[in-house]
Amino acid sequence: MNCNELKAGQTLVCERCGLELKVISECKDDKCAIGCVGDIDCCGEPMKLKE
């Protein structure tokens, strides 16, 4: 997942260490899309959406 795919209220979790990140505010313009490249990683692996 990268930042321009995330929606407010979603939570990302690292399956390796358990770190969780909650999305408070989502990207709302083209400036964010330019800066968001690649997955959000933790412990060297892409974070996943918490179910």
N, C-alpha and C. Protein backbone atom coordinates (compact mmCIF):
# COMPACT_ATOMS: atom_id res chain seq x y z
N MET A 1 0.86 -1.18 0.00
CA MET A 1 0.00 0.00 0.00
C MET A 1 0.90 1.23 0.00
N ASN A 2 0.52 2.21 -0.81
CA ASN A 2 1.21 3.48 -0.72
C ASN A 2 0.20 4.55 -0.32
N CYS A 3 0.68 5.73 0.00
CA CYS A 3 -0.18 6.73 0.66
C CYS A 3 -1.37 7.18 -0.18
N ASN A 4 -1.27 7.21 -1.50
CA ASN A 4 -2.44 7.68 -2.25
C ASN A 4 -3.51 6.60 -2.42
N GLU A 5 -3.30 5.40 -1.90
CA GLU A 5 -4.32 4.35 -1.90
C GLU A 5 -5.07 4.27 -0.57
N LEU A 6 -4.54 4.92 0.45
CA LEU A 6 -5.11 4.81 1.79
C LEU A 6 -6.25 5.79 2.03
N LYS A 7 -7.20 5.38 2.85
CA LYS A 7 -8.36 6.20 3.20
C LYS A 7 -8.35 6.46 4.71
N ALA A 8 -8.88 7.61 5.11
CA ALA A 8 -8.96 7.96 6.53
C ALA A 8 -9.68 6.85 7.29
N GLY A 9 -9.13 6.49 8.44
CA GLY A 9 -9.74 5.46 9.28
C GLY A 9 -9.11 4.08 9.10
N GLN A 10 -8.39 3.86 8.00
CA GLN A 10 -7.74 2.57 7.79
C GLN A 10 -6.51 2.45 8.70
N THR A 11 -6.13 1.22 9.00
CA THR A 11 -4.95 0.96 9.82
C THR A 11 -4.04 0.01 9.06
N LEU A 12 -2.76 0.37 9.00
CA LEU A 12 -1.74 -0.51 8.44
C LEU A 12 -1.06 -1.24 9.58
N VAL A 13 -0.68 -2.48 9.35
CA VAL A 13 0.00 -3.26 10.38
C VAL A 13 1.20 -3.97 9.77
N CYS A 14 2.26 -4.04 10.57
CA CYS A 14 3.45 -4.80 10.19
C CYS A 14 3.24 -6.22 10.70
N GLU A 15 3.24 -7.19 9.79
CA GLU A 15 3.01 -8.57 10.19
C GLU A 15 4.19 -9.16 10.96
N ARG A 16 5.33 -8.49 10.91
CA ARG A 16 6.53 -9.00 11.58
C ARG A 16 6.62 -8.54 13.04
N CYS A 17 6.49 -7.21 13.28
CA CYS A 17 6.67 -6.70 14.65
C CYS A 17 5.37 -6.24 15.31
N GLY A 18 4.29 -6.08 14.52
CA GLY A 18 3.01 -5.69 15.09
C GLY A 18 2.76 -4.18 15.13
N LEU A 19 3.71 -3.37 14.65
CA LEU A 19 3.50 -1.92 14.61
C LEU A 19 2.24 -1.61 13.81
N GLU A 20 1.42 -0.69 14.30
CA GLU A 20 0.22 -0.28 13.60
C GLU A 20 0.26 1.23 13.34
N LEU A 21 -0.16 1.64 12.15
CA LEU A 21 -0.27 3.05 11.78
C LEU A 21 -1.69 3.32 11.33
N LYS A 22 -2.34 4.31 11.95
CA LYS A 22 -3.71 4.66 11.58
C LYS A 22 -3.70 5.90 10.70
N VAL A 23 -4.47 5.86 9.60
CA VAL A 23 -4.57 6.99 8.68
C VAL A 23 -5.57 7.99 9.26
N ILE A 24 -5.08 9.18 9.57
CA ILE A 24 -5.93 10.24 10.13
C ILE A 24 -6.47 11.12 9.01
N SER A 25 -5.63 11.41 8.03
CA SER A 25 -6.02 12.26 6.92
C SER A 25 -5.45 11.65 5.64
N GLU A 26 -6.25 11.59 4.58
CA GLU A 26 -5.79 10.98 3.33
C GLU A 26 -5.31 12.02 2.33
N CYS A 27 -4.56 11.57 1.34
CA CYS A 27 -4.08 12.45 0.27
C CYS A 27 -5.28 13.03 -0.47
N LYS A 28 -5.23 14.33 -0.75
CA LYS A 28 -6.38 14.97 -1.39
C LYS A 28 -6.04 15.72 -2.66
N ASP A 29 -4.76 15.71 -3.06
CA ASP A 29 -4.42 16.44 -4.27
C ASP A 29 -3.29 15.77 -5.03
N ASP A 30 -2.95 16.31 -6.18
CA ASP A 30 -1.92 15.72 -7.03
C ASP A 30 -0.52 15.82 -6.43
N LYS A 31 -0.28 16.77 -5.53
CA LYS A 31 1.04 16.90 -4.91
C LYS A 31 1.40 15.65 -4.12
N CYS A 32 0.45 15.07 -3.46
CA CYS A 32 0.69 13.86 -2.68
C CYS A 32 1.02 12.70 -3.61
N ALA A 33 0.32 12.57 -4.70
CA ALA A 33 0.56 11.46 -5.63
C ALA A 33 1.98 11.49 -6.17
N ILE A 34 2.54 12.67 -6.35
CA ILE A 34 3.91 12.79 -6.84
C ILE A 34 4.90 12.29 -5.79
N GLY A 35 4.65 12.58 -4.51
CA GLY A 35 5.56 12.20 -3.45
C GLY A 35 5.41 10.77 -2.96
N CYS A 36 4.31 10.11 -3.29
CA CYS A 36 4.05 8.75 -2.81
C CYS A 36 4.51 7.73 -3.84
N VAL A 37 5.66 7.16 -3.61
CA VAL A 37 6.21 6.18 -4.52
C VAL A 37 6.55 4.92 -3.74
N GLY A 38 6.00 3.81 -4.11
CA GLY A 38 6.31 2.55 -3.44
C GLY A 38 5.46 2.31 -2.21
N ASP A 39 5.64 1.12 -1.64
CA ASP A 39 4.89 0.70 -0.47
C ASP A 39 5.41 1.35 0.81
N ILE A 40 4.55 1.41 1.81
CA ILE A 40 4.96 1.83 3.14
C ILE A 40 5.51 0.58 3.81
N ASP A 41 6.78 0.60 4.20
CA ASP A 41 7.46 -0.57 4.73
C ASP A 41 7.74 -0.46 6.22
N CYS A 42 7.87 -1.62 6.85
CA CYS A 42 8.34 -1.75 8.23
C CYS A 42 9.07 -3.09 8.31
N CYS A 43 10.17 -3.15 9.02
CA CYS A 43 10.97 -4.38 9.13
C CYS A 43 11.35 -4.94 7.77
N GLY A 44 11.49 -4.05 6.78
CA GLY A 44 11.92 -4.47 5.45
C GLY A 44 10.84 -5.11 4.59
N GLU A 45 9.58 -5.07 5.05
CA GLU A 45 8.47 -5.67 4.31
C GLU A 45 7.32 -4.67 4.19
N PRO A 46 6.53 -4.75 3.09
CA PRO A 46 5.37 -3.86 2.97
C PRO A 46 4.36 -4.09 4.09
N MET A 47 3.83 -2.99 4.61
CA MET A 47 2.77 -3.11 5.63
C MET A 47 1.46 -3.49 4.95
N LYS A 48 0.57 -4.14 5.70
CA LYS A 48 -0.71 -4.62 5.19
C LYS A 48 -1.85 -3.89 5.88
N LEU A 49 -3.01 -3.84 5.22
CA LEU A 49 -4.20 -3.29 5.86
C LEU A 49 -4.66 -4.23 6.96
N LYS A 50 -4.98 -3.68 8.12
CA LYS A 50 -5.49 -4.47 9.23
C LYS A 50 -6.94 -4.81 8.93
N GLU A 51 -7.29 -6.04 9.17
CA GLU A 51 -8.67 -6.48 8.89
C GLU A 51 -9.53 -6.42 10.13
